Amino acid sequence: MSAFDWKSQVVVVTGASAGIGASLARELGKRGAKVVLAARRADKLAEVARASGEGHLTVTADVTRREDVARIASAAIDRFGHVDAWVNNAGRGITRTILELTDDDVDAMVRDNVKSVLYGMQVIVPHFKAQKRGHLVNVSSMLGRVPFAPIRSAYCAAKAAMGSRTETMRNDLAKDFPEVRVTCFYPGVVHTDFGLSALGVGPDS
């Protein structure tokens, strides 16, 4: 069996300016993939891009805006001709128990962790279907399966919704598009700036 050809791969990573997204972008670049890095913070994005190989492309974008997500896909396809994998990694936490949640808190969790991923799926899956192959990866959280942290209440619920939507997408594609793969990744505790960027900050900041 021949070795996997990373140099032929075009991978979009959202939330690529820090944390898991930044580490993934650097690792993909090291393996030779063409990486499309997307995030809101242009300066941080540029820093990560410099360590993500020569074939990278950066797109400053806010994935909570549907038009920005469409722009990421267009930029990637215009530059490289196609996309092989799309990683919905961007998201945000919260430090509120259920009884402390406000309407704005819940809306923010849905916007940042549910709608942003939905936009990514709706933008890239038609492209994957057209080329009859591709890999969609949604980065959830262990808390989406085991919600043991009360202060992450709405975040746990949002990540659980992501898992359900991922399974639904997989089932929808399985029969007619078996080469379009759909994965939901549930990382555990990772040392990032997650606590710092969470609404209400947090003990892990």
N, C-alpha and C. Protein backbone atom coordinates (compact mmCIF):
# COMPACT_ATOMS: atom_id res chain seq x y z
N MET A 1 0.84 -1.19 0.00
CA MET A 1 0.00 0.00 0.00
C MET A 1 0.88 1.25 0.00
N SER A 2 0.59 2.20 -0.91
CA SER A 2 1.40 3.40 -0.99
C SER A 2 1.10 4.34 0.17
N ALA A 3 2.08 5.18 0.49
CA ALA A 3 1.91 6.14 1.58
C ALA A 3 0.89 7.21 1.20
N PHE A 4 0.21 7.74 2.18
CA PHE A 4 -0.78 8.78 1.93
C PHE A 4 -0.08 10.03 1.42
N ASP A 5 -0.63 10.62 0.37
CA ASP A 5 -0.03 11.79 -0.25
C ASP A 5 -0.59 13.08 0.36
N TRP A 6 0.05 13.56 1.41
CA TRP A 6 -0.42 14.78 2.06
C TRP A 6 -0.29 15.99 1.16
N LYS A 7 0.67 15.98 0.25
CA LYS A 7 0.91 17.15 -0.59
C LYS A 7 -0.24 17.42 -1.55
N SER A 8 -1.09 16.43 -1.75
CA SER A 8 -2.23 16.62 -2.65
C SER A 8 -3.47 17.13 -1.91
N GLN A 9 -3.37 17.24 -0.59
CA GLN A 9 -4.53 17.55 0.22
C GLN A 9 -4.69 19.05 0.49
N VAL A 10 -5.93 19.52 0.35
CA VAL A 10 -6.29 20.89 0.69
C VAL A 10 -7.25 20.82 1.88
N VAL A 11 -6.84 21.41 3.00
CA VAL A 11 -7.61 21.30 4.25
C VAL A 11 -7.93 22.69 4.78
N VAL A 12 -9.21 22.94 5.03
CA VAL A 12 -9.65 24.19 5.65
C VAL A 12 -9.79 23.96 7.15
N VAL A 13 -9.21 24.87 7.94
CA VAL A 13 -9.32 24.79 9.40
C VAL A 13 -9.85 26.12 9.91
N THR A 14 -11.02 26.12 10.54
CA THR A 14 -11.54 27.34 11.15
C THR A 14 -11.04 27.43 12.59
N GLY A 15 -11.06 28.63 13.13
CA GLY A 15 -10.51 28.82 14.47
C GLY A 15 -9.04 28.48 14.51
N ALA A 16 -8.32 28.85 13.44
CA ALA A 16 -6.93 28.42 13.27
C ALA A 16 -5.92 29.36 13.91
N SER A 17 -6.36 30.39 14.61
CA SER A 17 -5.41 31.36 15.16
C SER A 17 -4.87 30.96 16.53
N ALA A 18 -5.44 29.92 17.15
CA ALA A 18 -4.98 29.51 18.48
C ALA A 18 -5.48 28.11 18.79
N GLY A 19 -4.97 27.55 19.88
CA GLY A 19 -5.48 26.29 20.41
C GLY A 19 -5.38 25.11 19.46
N ILE A 20 -6.42 24.28 19.47
CA ILE A 20 -6.44 23.07 18.66
C ILE A 20 -6.31 23.40 17.18
N GLY A 21 -7.01 24.46 16.73
CA GLY A 21 -6.95 24.83 15.32
C GLY A 21 -5.56 25.20 14.86
N ALA A 22 -4.86 25.98 15.68
CA ALA A 22 -3.50 26.38 15.34
C ALA A 22 -2.56 25.18 15.31
N SER A 23 -2.68 24.31 16.30
CA SER A 23 -1.82 23.11 16.34
C SER A 23 -2.09 22.21 15.15
N LEU A 24 -3.36 22.06 14.78
CA LEU A 24 -3.71 21.23 13.64
C LEU A 24 -3.15 21.82 12.35
N ALA A 25 -3.28 23.14 12.18
CA ALA A 25 -2.77 23.79 10.98
C ALA A 25 -1.26 23.59 10.85
N ARG A 26 -0.54 23.75 11.95
CA ARG A 26 0.91 23.57 11.91
C ARG A 26 1.29 22.13 11.57
N GLU A 27 0.57 21.18 12.14
CA GLU A 27 0.86 19.77 11.88
C GLU A 27 0.56 19.40 10.42
N LEU A 28 -0.54 19.90 9.89
CA LEU A 28 -0.88 19.64 8.50
C LEU A 28 0.17 20.23 7.57
N GLY A 29 0.59 21.47 7.89
CA GLY A 29 1.63 22.09 7.09
C GLY A 29 2.93 21.32 7.12
N LYS A 30 3.27 20.80 8.29
CA LYS A 30 4.50 20.01 8.45
C LYS A 30 4.45 18.76 7.57
N ARG A 31 3.24 18.21 7.41
CA ARG A 31 3.10 16.99 6.60
C ARG A 31 3.02 17.29 5.10
N GLY A 32 2.93 18.57 4.76
CA GLY A 32 2.94 18.94 3.35
C GLY A 32 1.60 19.32 2.76
N ALA A 33 0.54 19.30 3.56
CA ALA A 33 -0.79 19.66 3.05
C ALA A 33 -0.87 21.15 2.77
N LYS A 34 -1.78 21.51 1.88
CA LYS A 34 -2.08 22.92 1.63
C LYS A 34 -3.18 23.31 2.61
N VAL A 35 -2.86 24.22 3.52
CA VAL A 35 -3.76 24.55 4.62
C VAL A 35 -4.41 25.92 4.41
N VAL A 36 -5.72 25.95 4.53
CA VAL A 36 -6.46 27.21 4.50
C VAL A 36 -6.85 27.53 5.93
N LEU A 37 -6.24 28.57 6.49
CA LEU A 37 -6.45 28.94 7.88
C LEU A 37 -7.45 30.08 7.96
N ALA A 38 -8.48 29.92 8.78
CA ALA A 38 -9.50 30.95 8.91
C ALA A 38 -9.72 31.29 10.38
N ALA A 39 -9.80 32.57 10.68
CA ALA A 39 -10.08 33.05 12.03
C ALA A 39 -10.32 34.55 11.97
N ARG A 40 -10.75 35.13 13.08
CA ARG A 40 -11.03 36.57 13.12
C ARG A 40 -9.77 37.40 13.32
N ARG A 41 -8.81 36.89 14.08
CA ARG A 41 -7.64 37.69 14.46
C ARG A 41 -6.54 37.56 13.43
N ALA A 42 -6.45 38.55 12.56
CA ALA A 42 -5.50 38.49 11.44
C ALA A 42 -4.05 38.37 11.91
N ASP A 43 -3.69 39.07 12.98
CA ASP A 43 -2.30 39.03 13.44
C ASP A 43 -1.92 37.65 13.95
N LYS A 44 -2.79 37.06 14.77
CA LYS A 44 -2.52 35.71 15.28
C LYS A 44 -2.53 34.68 14.15
N LEU A 45 -3.44 34.89 13.20
CA LEU A 45 -3.54 33.98 12.07
C LEU A 45 -2.25 33.99 11.26
N ALA A 46 -1.70 35.16 11.08
CA ALA A 46 -0.45 35.29 10.32
C ALA A 46 0.69 34.56 11.02
N GLU A 47 0.73 34.62 12.34
CA GLU A 47 1.79 33.94 13.09
C GLU A 47 1.71 32.43 12.88
N VAL A 48 0.50 31.88 12.97
CA VAL A 48 0.33 30.45 12.78
C VAL A 48 0.64 30.06 11.34
N ALA A 49 0.23 30.90 10.41
CA ALA A 49 0.43 30.61 8.99
C ALA A 49 1.91 30.44 8.65
N ARG A 50 2.74 31.24 9.28
CA ARG A 50 4.18 31.17 8.99
C ARG A 50 4.77 29.82 9.37
N ALA A 51 4.09 29.11 10.26
CA ALA A 51 4.57 27.79 10.67
C ALA A 51 3.73 26.68 10.07
N SER A 52 2.95 27.01 9.03
CA SER A 52 2.03 26.03 8.46
C SER A 52 2.36 25.65 7.02
N GLY A 53 3.62 25.77 6.64
CA GLY A 53 4.03 25.35 5.32
C GLY A 53 3.91 26.44 4.27
N GLU A 54 4.51 26.18 3.13
CA GLU A 54 4.55 27.18 2.08
C GLU A 54 3.23 27.30 1.32
N GLY A 55 2.43 26.26 1.31
CA GLY A 55 1.22 26.27 0.51
C GLY A 55 -0.01 26.80 1.20
N HIS A 56 0.16 27.54 2.28
CA HIS A 56 -1.01 27.94 3.06
C HIS A 56 -1.73 29.15 2.46
N LEU A 57 -2.96 29.33 2.91
CA LEU A 57 -3.76 30.50 2.56
C LEU A 57 -4.46 30.95 3.83
N THR A 58 -4.43 32.24 4.14
CA THR A 58 -5.14 32.75 5.30
C THR A 58 -6.37 33.54 4.86
N VAL A 59 -7.46 33.37 5.62
CA VAL A 59 -8.70 34.11 5.35
C VAL A 59 -9.20 34.66 6.67
N THR A 60 -9.16 35.97 6.81
CA THR A 60 -9.69 36.59 8.02
C THR A 60 -11.21 36.59 7.92
N ALA A 61 -11.85 35.89 8.85
CA ALA A 61 -13.30 35.71 8.74
C ALA A 61 -13.91 35.41 10.10
N ASP A 62 -15.18 35.73 10.23
CA ASP A 62 -15.97 35.43 11.42
C ASP A 62 -16.97 34.35 11.05
N VAL A 63 -16.77 33.14 11.57
CA VAL A 63 -17.60 32.02 11.15
C VAL A 63 -19.02 32.08 11.70
N THR A 64 -19.33 33.07 12.52
CA THR A 64 -20.73 33.24 12.94
C THR A 64 -21.52 34.02 11.90
N ARG A 65 -20.86 34.40 10.82
CA ARG A 65 -21.52 35.09 9.70
C ARG A 65 -21.51 34.16 8.49
N ARG A 66 -22.68 33.84 8.02
CA ARG A 66 -22.80 32.90 6.91
C ARG A 66 -21.99 33.35 5.69
N GLU A 67 -22.04 34.66 5.39
CA GLU A 67 -21.33 35.15 4.21
C GLU A 67 -19.81 35.02 4.36
N ASP A 68 -19.32 35.11 5.59
CA ASP A 68 -17.88 34.93 5.81
C ASP A 68 -17.47 33.48 5.57
N VAL A 69 -18.32 32.54 6.00
CA VAL A 69 -18.00 31.13 5.81
C VAL A 69 -18.01 30.80 4.31
N ALA A 70 -18.96 31.35 3.59
CA ALA A 70 -19.00 31.14 2.14
C ALA A 70 -17.74 31.71 1.49
N ARG A 71 -17.26 32.82 2.02
CA ARG A 71 -16.06 33.45 1.48
C ARG A 71 -14.82 32.58 1.72
N ILE A 72 -14.76 31.89 2.85
CA ILE A 72 -13.65 30.98 3.12
C ILE A 72 -13.61 29.89 2.07
N ALA A 73 -14.76 29.28 1.81
CA ALA A 73 -14.82 28.20 0.82
C ALA A 73 -14.44 28.71 -0.56
N SER A 74 -14.97 29.86 -0.94
CA SER A 74 -14.67 30.42 -2.26
C SER A 74 -13.18 30.71 -2.42
N ALA A 75 -12.58 31.27 -1.37
CA ALA A 75 -11.15 31.58 -1.42
C ALA A 75 -10.32 30.32 -1.58
N ALA A 76 -10.70 29.27 -0.85
CA ALA A 76 -9.96 28.00 -0.92
C ALA A 76 -10.06 27.38 -2.31
N ILE A 77 -11.26 27.36 -2.87
CA ILE A 77 -11.47 26.74 -4.17
C ILE A 77 -10.83 27.57 -5.28
N ASP A 78 -10.93 28.90 -5.15
CA ASP A 78 -10.29 29.76 -6.15
C ASP A 78 -8.78 29.56 -6.18
N ARG A 79 -8.20 29.38 -5.00
CA ARG A 79 -6.75 29.25 -4.90
C ARG A 79 -6.25 27.85 -5.30
N PHE A 80 -6.93 26.82 -4.81
CA PHE A 80 -6.43 25.46 -4.98
C PHE A 80 -7.27 24.57 -5.89
N GLY A 81 -8.44 25.03 -6.29
CA GLY A 81 -9.27 24.26 -7.21
C GLY A 81 -10.27 23.33 -6.56
N HIS A 82 -10.03 22.97 -5.32
CA HIS A 82 -10.93 22.07 -4.61
C HIS A 82 -10.58 22.08 -3.13
N VAL A 83 -11.41 21.41 -2.32
CA VAL A 83 -11.14 21.21 -0.89
C VAL A 83 -11.31 19.72 -0.60
N ASP A 84 -10.33 19.15 0.10
CA ASP A 84 -10.40 17.73 0.46
C ASP A 84 -11.00 17.51 1.85
N ALA A 85 -10.73 18.44 2.76
CA ALA A 85 -11.25 18.30 4.12
C ALA A 85 -11.56 19.67 4.70
N TRP A 86 -12.60 19.71 5.50
CA TRP A 86 -13.02 20.96 6.16
C TRP A 86 -13.18 20.67 7.64
N VAL A 87 -12.47 21.42 8.46
CA VAL A 87 -12.52 21.20 9.91
C VAL A 87 -13.23 22.38 10.57
N ASN A 88 -14.44 22.14 11.06
CA ASN A 88 -15.18 23.13 11.83
C ASN A 88 -14.66 23.10 13.26
N ASN A 89 -13.69 23.95 13.54
CA ASN A 89 -13.04 23.93 14.85
C ASN A 89 -13.39 25.13 15.71
N ALA A 90 -13.74 26.26 15.10
CA ALA A 90 -14.00 27.48 15.87
C ALA A 90 -15.17 27.28 16.83
N GLY A 91 -15.06 27.88 17.99
CA GLY A 91 -16.13 27.80 18.99
C GLY A 91 -15.78 28.64 20.20
N ARG A 92 -16.69 28.65 21.16
CA ARG A 92 -16.47 29.46 22.36
C ARG A 92 -17.17 28.84 23.55
N GLY A 93 -16.56 28.99 24.73
CA GLY A 93 -17.13 28.44 25.95
C GLY A 93 -17.90 29.47 26.75
N ILE A 94 -18.36 29.05 27.91
CA ILE A 94 -19.09 29.93 28.81
C ILE A 94 -18.88 29.43 30.24
N THR A 95 -18.92 30.35 31.18
CA THR A 95 -18.78 29.99 32.59
C THR A 95 -20.02 30.46 33.33
N ARG A 96 -21.09 29.71 33.19
CA ARG A 96 -22.37 30.00 33.84
C ARG A 96 -23.07 28.67 34.14
N THR A 97 -23.65 28.56 35.32
CA THR A 97 -24.49 27.40 35.59
C THR A 97 -25.84 27.62 34.91
N ILE A 98 -26.64 26.59 34.84
CA ILE A 98 -27.94 26.69 34.17
C ILE A 98 -28.80 27.80 34.76
N LEU A 99 -28.81 27.92 36.09
CA LEU A 99 -29.68 28.93 36.72
C LEU A 99 -29.15 30.35 36.54
N GLU A 100 -27.92 30.49 36.08
CA GLU A 100 -27.34 31.82 35.86
C GLU A 100 -27.46 32.28 34.41
N LEU A 101 -27.86 31.40 33.53
CA LEU A 101 -27.87 31.72 32.11
C LEU A 101 -28.89 32.79 31.76
N THR A 102 -28.48 33.71 30.89
CA THR A 102 -29.40 34.71 30.35
C THR A 102 -29.74 34.33 28.90
N ASP A 103 -30.72 35.01 28.36
CA ASP A 103 -31.06 34.78 26.95
C ASP A 103 -29.85 35.05 26.05
N ASP A 104 -29.13 36.12 26.36
CA ASP A 104 -27.96 36.47 25.55
C ASP A 104 -26.89 35.39 25.63
N ASP A 105 -26.72 34.78 26.81
CA ASP A 105 -25.75 33.70 26.96
C ASP A 105 -26.08 32.53 26.05
N VAL A 106 -27.33 32.11 26.09
CA VAL A 106 -27.76 30.97 25.28
C VAL A 106 -27.64 31.29 23.79
N ASP A 107 -28.06 32.50 23.42
CA ASP A 107 -27.96 32.91 22.01
C ASP A 107 -26.50 32.89 21.54
N ALA A 108 -25.59 33.33 22.41
CA ALA A 108 -24.16 33.35 22.05
C ALA A 108 -23.63 31.93 21.86
N MET A 109 -24.03 31.00 22.71
CA MET A 109 -23.56 29.63 22.57
C MET A 109 -24.10 28.97 21.30
N VAL A 110 -25.34 29.27 20.98
CA VAL A 110 -25.91 28.74 19.73
C VAL A 110 -25.22 29.35 18.53
N ARG A 111 -25.01 30.67 18.58
CA ARG A 111 -24.35 31.36 17.47
C ARG A 111 -22.93 30.84 17.25
N ASP A 112 -22.15 30.74 18.33
CA ASP A 112 -20.72 30.43 18.21
C ASP A 112 -20.43 28.95 18.01
N ASN A 113 -21.29 28.08 18.52
CA ASN A 113 -20.99 26.65 18.49
C ASN A 113 -21.95 25.82 17.66
N VAL A 114 -23.10 26.35 17.33
CA VAL A 114 -24.09 25.60 16.57
C VAL A 114 -24.25 26.17 15.16
N LYS A 115 -24.60 27.44 15.08
CA LYS A 115 -24.83 28.04 13.77
C LYS A 115 -23.54 28.13 12.94
N SER A 116 -22.42 28.43 13.59
CA SER A 116 -21.15 28.53 12.86
C SER A 116 -20.81 27.21 12.18
N VAL A 117 -21.05 26.10 12.87
CA VAL A 117 -20.78 24.78 12.31
C VAL A 117 -21.78 24.44 11.21
N LEU A 118 -23.03 24.82 11.42
CA LEU A 118 -24.05 24.61 10.40
C LEU A 118 -23.66 25.31 9.11
N TYR A 119 -23.18 26.54 9.21
CA TYR A 119 -22.77 27.28 8.02
C TYR A 119 -21.66 26.54 7.28
N GLY A 120 -20.69 26.04 8.03
CA GLY A 120 -19.60 25.31 7.41
C GLY A 120 -20.09 24.07 6.68
N MET A 121 -20.99 23.34 7.31
CA MET A 121 -21.54 22.13 6.69
C MET A 121 -22.31 22.47 5.42
N GLN A 122 -23.13 23.50 5.49
CA GLN A 122 -23.95 23.86 4.34
C GLN A 122 -23.12 24.40 3.18
N VAL A 123 -21.99 25.00 3.49
CA VAL A 123 -21.12 25.54 2.45
C VAL A 123 -20.30 24.45 1.77
N ILE A 124 -19.74 23.54 2.54
CA ILE A 124 -18.76 22.61 1.97
C ILE A 124 -19.33 21.28 1.52
N VAL A 125 -20.38 20.79 2.14
CA VAL A 125 -20.90 19.48 1.75
C VAL A 125 -21.37 19.44 0.29
N PRO A 126 -22.05 20.47 -0.23
CA PRO A 126 -22.38 20.43 -1.66
C PRO A 126 -21.14 20.30 -2.55
N HIS A 127 -20.04 20.92 -2.16
CA HIS A 127 -18.78 20.79 -2.90
C HIS A 127 -18.27 19.35 -2.84
N PHE A 128 -18.33 18.75 -1.67
CA PHE A 128 -17.91 17.36 -1.52
C PHE A 128 -18.80 16.42 -2.35
N LYS A 129 -20.09 16.69 -2.36
CA LYS A 129 -21.01 15.86 -3.14
C LYS A 129 -20.71 15.97 -4.62
N ALA A 130 -20.40 17.17 -5.08
CA ALA A 130 -20.11 17.38 -6.49
C ALA A 130 -18.86 16.61 -6.93
N GLN A 131 -17.85 16.55 -6.03
CA GLN A 131 -16.62 15.82 -6.39
C GLN A 131 -16.65 14.38 -5.88
N LYS A 132 -17.75 14.03 -5.21
CA LYS A 132 -18.00 12.66 -4.72
C LYS A 132 -16.98 12.17 -3.71
N ARG A 133 -16.36 13.09 -3.02
CA ARG A 133 -15.42 12.72 -1.96
C ARG A 133 -15.14 13.94 -1.10
N GLY A 134 -14.60 13.70 0.08
CA GLY A 134 -14.26 14.78 1.00
C GLY A 134 -14.42 14.31 2.42
N HIS A 135 -13.94 15.11 3.33
CA HIS A 135 -14.02 14.74 4.75
C HIS A 135 -14.41 15.97 5.57
N LEU A 136 -15.55 15.90 6.19
CA LEU A 136 -16.04 16.94 7.09
C LEU A 136 -15.73 16.53 8.52
N VAL A 137 -15.05 17.41 9.26
CA VAL A 137 -14.72 17.13 10.65
C VAL A 137 -15.28 18.24 11.53
N ASN A 138 -16.14 17.88 12.47
CA ASN A 138 -16.68 18.83 13.44
C ASN A 138 -16.02 18.59 14.79
N VAL A 139 -15.37 19.62 15.31
CA VAL A 139 -14.68 19.49 16.60
C VAL A 139 -15.65 19.85 17.71
N SER A 140 -16.07 18.86 18.44
CA SER A 140 -17.00 19.05 19.55
C SER A 140 -16.20 19.13 20.85
N SER A 141 -16.62 18.43 21.87
CA SER A 141 -15.94 18.40 23.16
C SER A 141 -16.40 17.18 23.93
N MET A 142 -15.53 16.67 24.76
CA MET A 142 -15.92 15.60 25.67
C MET A 142 -17.18 15.99 26.45
N LEU A 143 -17.34 17.29 26.73
CA LEU A 143 -18.50 17.76 27.48
C LEU A 143 -19.80 17.62 26.69
N GLY A 144 -19.69 17.43 25.38
CA GLY A 144 -20.88 17.17 24.59
C GLY A 144 -21.42 15.77 24.80
N ARG A 145 -20.59 14.89 25.33
CA ARG A 145 -21.00 13.51 25.63
C ARG A 145 -21.17 13.26 27.11
N VAL A 146 -20.32 13.91 27.92
CA VAL A 146 -20.35 13.72 29.38
C VAL A 146 -20.36 15.11 30.03
N PRO A 147 -21.52 15.71 30.24
CA PRO A 147 -21.61 17.09 30.73
C PRO A 147 -21.40 17.21 32.25
N PHE A 148 -20.19 16.93 32.68
CA PHE A 148 -19.91 16.89 34.12
C PHE A 148 -19.49 18.25 34.70
N ALA A 149 -19.41 19.29 33.87
CA ALA A 149 -18.97 20.60 34.35
C ALA A 149 -20.16 21.57 34.36
N PRO A 150 -20.81 21.76 35.51
CA PRO A 150 -22.00 22.62 35.57
C PRO A 150 -21.76 24.04 35.06
N ILE A 151 -20.54 24.57 35.24
CA ILE A 151 -20.28 25.93 34.79
C ILE A 151 -20.24 26.04 33.27
N ARG A 152 -20.17 24.92 32.58
CA ARG A 152 -20.16 24.92 31.11
C ARG A 152 -21.53 24.53 30.55
N SER A 153 -22.57 24.76 31.29
CA SER A 153 -23.92 24.28 30.99
C SER A 153 -24.33 24.44 29.53
N ALA A 154 -24.42 25.68 29.06
CA ALA A 154 -24.91 25.92 27.69
C ALA A 154 -23.91 25.45 26.65
N TYR A 155 -22.64 25.46 26.98
CA TYR A 155 -21.60 24.96 26.07
C TYR A 155 -21.77 23.46 25.88
N CYS A 156 -22.01 22.73 26.97
CA CYS A 156 -22.23 21.29 26.88
C CYS A 156 -23.40 20.98 25.95
N ALA A 157 -24.48 21.73 26.11
CA ALA A 157 -25.67 21.51 25.29
C ALA A 157 -25.40 21.81 23.82
N ALA A 158 -24.65 22.88 23.56
CA ALA A 158 -24.33 23.25 22.18
C ALA A 158 -23.47 22.19 21.52
N LYS A 159 -22.50 21.66 22.26
CA LYS A 159 -21.62 20.64 21.70
C LYS A 159 -22.36 19.31 21.52
N ALA A 160 -23.33 19.03 22.37
CA ALA A 160 -24.16 17.83 22.18
C ALA A 160 -24.97 17.96 20.90
N ALA A 161 -25.48 19.16 20.65
CA ALA A 161 -26.22 19.41 19.41
C ALA A 161 -25.34 19.19 18.19
N MET A 162 -24.07 19.58 18.30
CA MET A 162 -23.14 19.37 17.20
C MET A 162 -22.99 17.88 16.89
N GLY A 163 -22.88 17.07 17.93
CA GLY A 163 -22.75 15.64 17.74
C GLY A 163 -23.96 15.05 17.04
N SER A 164 -25.15 15.48 17.45
CA SER A 164 -26.38 14.99 16.84
C SER A 164 -26.45 15.38 15.38
N ARG A 165 -26.09 16.62 15.07
CA ARG A 165 -26.15 17.09 13.69
C ARG A 165 -25.12 16.36 12.82
N THR A 166 -23.96 16.07 13.39
CA THR A 166 -22.94 15.34 12.63
C THR A 166 -23.43 13.95 12.26
N GLU A 167 -24.06 13.25 13.21
CA GLU A 167 -24.59 11.92 12.95
C GLU A 167 -25.67 11.97 11.87
N THR A 168 -26.51 13.00 11.93
CA THR A 168 -27.57 13.15 10.94
C THR A 168 -26.98 13.36 9.55
N MET A 169 -25.94 14.17 9.46
CA MET A 169 -25.29 14.42 8.18
C MET A 169 -24.67 13.15 7.64
N ARG A 170 -24.03 12.38 8.50
CA ARG A 170 -23.41 11.13 8.08
C ARG A 170 -24.47 10.18 7.50
N ASN A 171 -25.58 10.05 8.20
CA ASN A 171 -26.65 9.17 7.74
C ASN A 171 -27.24 9.64 6.41
N ASP A 172 -27.32 10.94 6.25
CA ASP A 172 -27.88 11.51 5.03
C ASP A 172 -27.01 11.22 3.82
N LEU A 173 -25.69 11.16 4.02
CA LEU A 173 -24.74 10.99 2.92
C LEU A 173 -24.36 9.53 2.64
N ALA A 174 -24.57 8.67 3.63
CA ALA A 174 -24.00 7.32 3.59
C ALA A 174 -24.36 6.52 2.35
N LYS A 175 -25.60 6.56 1.92
CA LYS A 175 -26.04 5.72 0.82
C LYS A 175 -25.50 6.19 -0.53
N ASP A 176 -25.69 7.44 -0.86
CA ASP A 176 -25.34 7.94 -2.19
C ASP A 176 -23.94 8.53 -2.30
N PHE A 177 -23.33 8.89 -1.16
CA PHE A 177 -22.00 9.51 -1.19
C PHE A 177 -21.10 8.86 -0.14
N PRO A 178 -20.80 7.59 -0.32
CA PRO A 178 -20.01 6.85 0.68
C PRO A 178 -18.59 7.36 0.85
N GLU A 179 -18.08 8.10 -0.15
CA GLU A 179 -16.72 8.62 -0.04
C GLU A 179 -16.66 10.02 0.58
N VAL A 180 -17.81 10.53 0.97
CA VAL A 180 -17.83 11.77 1.74
C VAL A 180 -17.91 11.38 3.20
N ARG A 181 -16.83 11.53 3.90
CA ARG A 181 -16.74 11.08 5.29
C ARG A 181 -17.13 12.21 6.25
N VAL A 182 -17.74 11.83 7.34
CA VAL A 182 -18.20 12.81 8.34
C VAL A 182 -17.75 12.33 9.71
N THR A 183 -17.01 13.19 10.42
CA THR A 183 -16.45 12.81 11.71
C THR A 183 -16.76 13.88 12.75
N CYS A 184 -17.13 13.44 13.94
CA CYS A 184 -17.25 14.35 15.08
C CYS A 184 -16.17 13.97 16.07
N PHE A 185 -15.33 14.93 16.39
CA PHE A 185 -14.18 14.71 17.28
C PHE A 185 -14.49 15.29 18.65
N TYR A 186 -14.27 14.49 19.71
CA TYR A 186 -14.60 14.89 21.08
C TYR A 186 -13.33 14.99 21.92
N PRO A 187 -12.56 16.07 21.81
CA PRO A 187 -11.35 16.18 22.63
C PRO A 187 -11.66 16.35 24.11
N GLY A 188 -10.75 15.90 24.94
CA GLY A 188 -10.88 16.11 26.38
C GLY A 188 -10.23 17.42 26.77
N VAL A 189 -9.64 17.45 27.96
CA VAL A 189 -9.00 18.67 28.45
C VAL A 189 -7.73 18.94 27.66
N VAL A 190 -7.65 20.12 27.08
CA VAL A 190 -6.49 20.53 26.29
C VAL A 190 -6.02 21.89 26.79
N HIS A 191 -4.71 22.07 26.88
CA HIS A 191 -4.16 23.33 27.37
C HIS A 191 -4.22 24.39 26.26
N THR A 192 -5.25 25.26 26.34
CA THR A 192 -5.43 26.33 25.35
C THR A 192 -5.90 27.58 26.09
N ASP A 193 -6.29 28.60 25.32
CA ASP A 193 -6.85 29.83 25.90
C ASP A 193 -8.37 29.75 26.03
N PHE A 194 -8.90 28.56 26.04
CA PHE A 194 -10.36 28.36 26.09
C PHE A 194 -10.99 29.14 27.25
N GLY A 195 -10.42 29.01 28.44
CA GLY A 195 -10.98 29.68 29.61
C GLY A 195 -10.94 31.19 29.50
N LEU A 196 -9.88 31.70 28.91
CA LEU A 196 -9.73 33.15 28.75
C LEU A 196 -10.78 33.73 27.82
N SER A 197 -11.13 32.98 26.77
CA SER A 197 -12.08 33.49 25.79
C SER A 197 -13.52 33.15 26.12
N ALA A 198 -13.74 32.34 27.15
CA ALA A 198 -15.09 31.97 27.52
C ALA A 198 -15.87 33.16 28.06
N LEU A 199 -17.15 33.19 27.79
CA LEU A 199 -18.01 34.21 28.40
C LEU A 199 -17.96 34.03 29.91
N GLY A 200 -17.64 35.10 30.64
CA GLY A 200 -17.50 34.97 32.09
C GLY A 200 -16.15 34.46 32.51
N VAL A 201 -15.22 34.34 31.54
CA VAL A 201 -13.88 33.79 31.77
C VAL A 201 -14.04 32.42 32.45
N GLY A 202 -13.16 32.02 33.36
CA GLY A 202 -13.30 30.72 33.95
C GLY A 202 -12.11 30.32 34.78
N PRO A 203 -12.24 29.26 35.59
CA PRO A 203 -11.15 28.79 36.44
C PRO A 203 -9.98 28.24 35.66
N ASP A 204 -10.19 27.91 34.38
CA ASP A 204 -9.12 27.35 33.56
C ASP A 204 -8.47 28.43 32.70
N SER A 205 -8.66 29.69 33.05
CA SER A 205 -8.08 30.79 32.27
C SER A 205 -6.60 30.96 32.60
